[in-house]
Amino acid sequence: MHRQGVLGNDHMFRDRLRAAGVPLEAIDQLGGWSSISSIGSSYGQGYPLEHLRKYIDAFALDTRH
């Protein structure tokens, strides 16, 4: 897949997670992107996997429509 296709998938992934109501910091963590919302966002371990699973499930349900 060419680079533009990969970027398009990144944008679609972010858009669908936003539409599912996933917080920006969780979207960044799921996508492997740096979160720039605040200096404090770089501290800690991020969301626990159980919490991220809830967002992944919401995303999966959103994409089935």
C-alpha atoms as a PDB file:
ATOM      1  CA  MET A   1       0.000   0.000   0.000  1.00  0.00           C
ATOM      2  CA  HIS A   2       1.385   3.420  -0.860  1.00  0.00           C
ATOM      3  CA  ARG A   3       1.990   6.066   1.797  1.00  0.00           C
ATOM      4  CA  GLN A   4      -1.148   8.094   1.040  1.00  0.00           C
ATOM      5  CA  GLY A   5      -3.284   4.980   1.564  1.00  0.00           C
ATOM      6  CA  VAL A   6      -1.649   4.370   4.934  1.00  0.00           C
ATOM      7  CA  LEU A   7      -2.277   7.968   5.999  1.00  0.00           C
ATOM      8  CA  GLY A   8      -5.874   7.711   4.842  1.00  0.00           C
ATOM      9  CA  ASN A   9      -6.314   4.650   7.041  1.00  0.00           C
ATOM     10  CA  ASP A  10      -4.824   6.550   9.999  1.00  0.00           C
ATOM     11  CA  HIS A  11      -7.298   9.380   9.465  1.00  0.00           C
ATOM     12  CA  MET A  12     -10.226   6.991   9.095  1.00  0.00           C
ATOM     13  CA  PHE A  13      -9.162   5.145  12.273  1.00  0.00           C
ATOM     14  CA  ARG A  14      -9.003   8.410  14.239  1.00  0.00           C
ATOM     15  CA  ASP A  15     -12.321   9.629  12.834  1.00  0.00           C
ATOM     16  CA  ARG A  16     -14.117   6.397  13.703  1.00  0.00           C
ATOM     17  CA  LEU A  17     -12.705   6.355  17.226  1.00  0.00           C
ATOM     18  CA  ARG A  18     -13.819   9.975  17.712  1.00  0.00           C
ATOM     19  CA  ALA A  19     -17.287   9.082  16.419  1.00  0.00           C
ATOM     20  CA  ALA A  20     -17.410   6.252  18.972  1.00  0.00           C
ATOM     21  CA  GLY A  21     -16.752   8.803  21.752  1.00  0.00           C
ATOM     22  CA  VAL A  22     -13.206   7.688  22.560  1.00  0.00           C
ATOM     23  CA  PRO A  23     -11.119  10.365  24.375  1.00  0.00           C
ATOM     24  CA  LEU A  24      -8.218  11.891  22.422  1.00  0.00           C
ATOM     25  CA  GLU A  25      -5.531  10.486  24.745  1.00  0.00           C
ATOM     26  CA  ALA A  26      -6.937   6.961  24.297  1.00  0.00           C
ATOM     27  CA  ILE A  27      -7.060   7.452  20.508  1.00  0.00           C
ATOM     28  CA  ASP A  28      -3.400   8.473  20.549  1.00  0.00           C
ATOM     29  CA  GLN A  29      -2.489   5.474  22.691  1.00  0.00           C
ATOM     30  CA  LEU A  30      -4.403   3.030  20.479  1.00  0.00           C
ATOM     31  CA  GLY A  31      -2.843   4.481  17.321  1.00  0.00           C
ATOM     32  CA  GLY A  32       0.659   4.702  18.747  1.00  0.00           C
ATOM     33  CA  TRP A  33       0.764   8.489  18.300  1.00  0.00           C
ATOM     34  CA  SER A  34       2.191  11.101  20.662  1.00  0.00           C
ATOM     35  CA  SER A  35      -0.460  12.968  22.609  1.00  0.00           C
ATOM     36  CA  ILE A  36       0.083  16.716  22.556  1.00  0.00           C
ATOM     37  CA  SER A  37      -3.004  17.755  24.519  1.00  0.00           C
ATOM     38  CA  SER A  38      -0.966  18.714  27.591  1.00  0.00           C
ATOM     39  CA  ILE A  39       2.406  18.306  29.237  1.00  0.00           C
ATOM     40  CA  GLY A  40       0.810  16.058  31.839  1.00  0.00           C
ATOM     41  CA  SER A  41      -0.314  13.592  29.185  1.00  0.00           C
ATOM     42  CA  SER A  42       3.258  12.292  28.881  1.00  0.00           C
ATOM     43  CA  TYR A  43       3.322  11.146  32.517  1.00  0.00           C
ATOM     44  CA  GLY A  44       2.168   7.743  33.695  1.00  0.00           C
ATOM     45  CA  GLN A  45       1.509   4.511  31.866  1.00  0.00           C
ATOM     46  CA  GLY A  46      -1.592   5.528  29.927  1.00  0.00           C
ATOM     47  CA  TYR A  47      -4.919   3.729  29.988  1.00  0.00           C
ATOM     48  CA  PRO A  48      -4.899   0.139  31.287  1.00  0.00           C
ATOM     49  CA  LEU A  49      -5.576  -2.538  28.674  1.00  0.00           C
ATOM     50  CA  GLU A  50      -8.993  -3.371  30.153  1.00  0.00           C
ATOM     51  CA  HIS A  51     -10.029   0.252  29.668  1.00  0.00           C
ATOM     52  CA  LEU A  52      -8.693   0.358  26.093  1.00  0.00           C
ATOM     53  CA  ARG A  53     -10.608  -2.852  25.353  1.00  0.00           C
ATOM     54  CA  LYS A  54     -13.855  -0.989  26.121  1.00  0.00           C
ATOM     55  CA  TYR A  55     -12.924   1.624  23.499  1.00  0.00           C
ATOM     56  CA  ILE A  56     -11.916  -1.023  20.961  1.00  0.00           C
ATOM     57  CA  ASP A  57     -15.287  -2.717  21.460  1.00  0.00           C
ATOM     58  CA  ALA A  58     -17.092   0.625  20.958  1.00  0.00           C
ATOM     59  CA  PHE A  59     -15.053   1.185  17.779  1.00  0.00           C
ATOM     60  CA  ALA A  60     -15.897  -2.305  16.507  1.00  0.00           C
ATOM     61  CA  LEU A  61     -19.606  -1.731  17.099  1.00  0.00           C
ATOM     62  CA  ASP A  62     -19.422   1.647  15.352  1.00  0.00           C
ATOM     63  CA  THR A  63     -17.841   0.143  12.225  1.00  0.00           C
ATOM     64  CA  ARG A  64     -20.567  -2.496  11.854  1.00  0.00           C
ATOM     65  CA  HIS A  65     -23.186   0.083  10.819  1.00  0.00           C
END
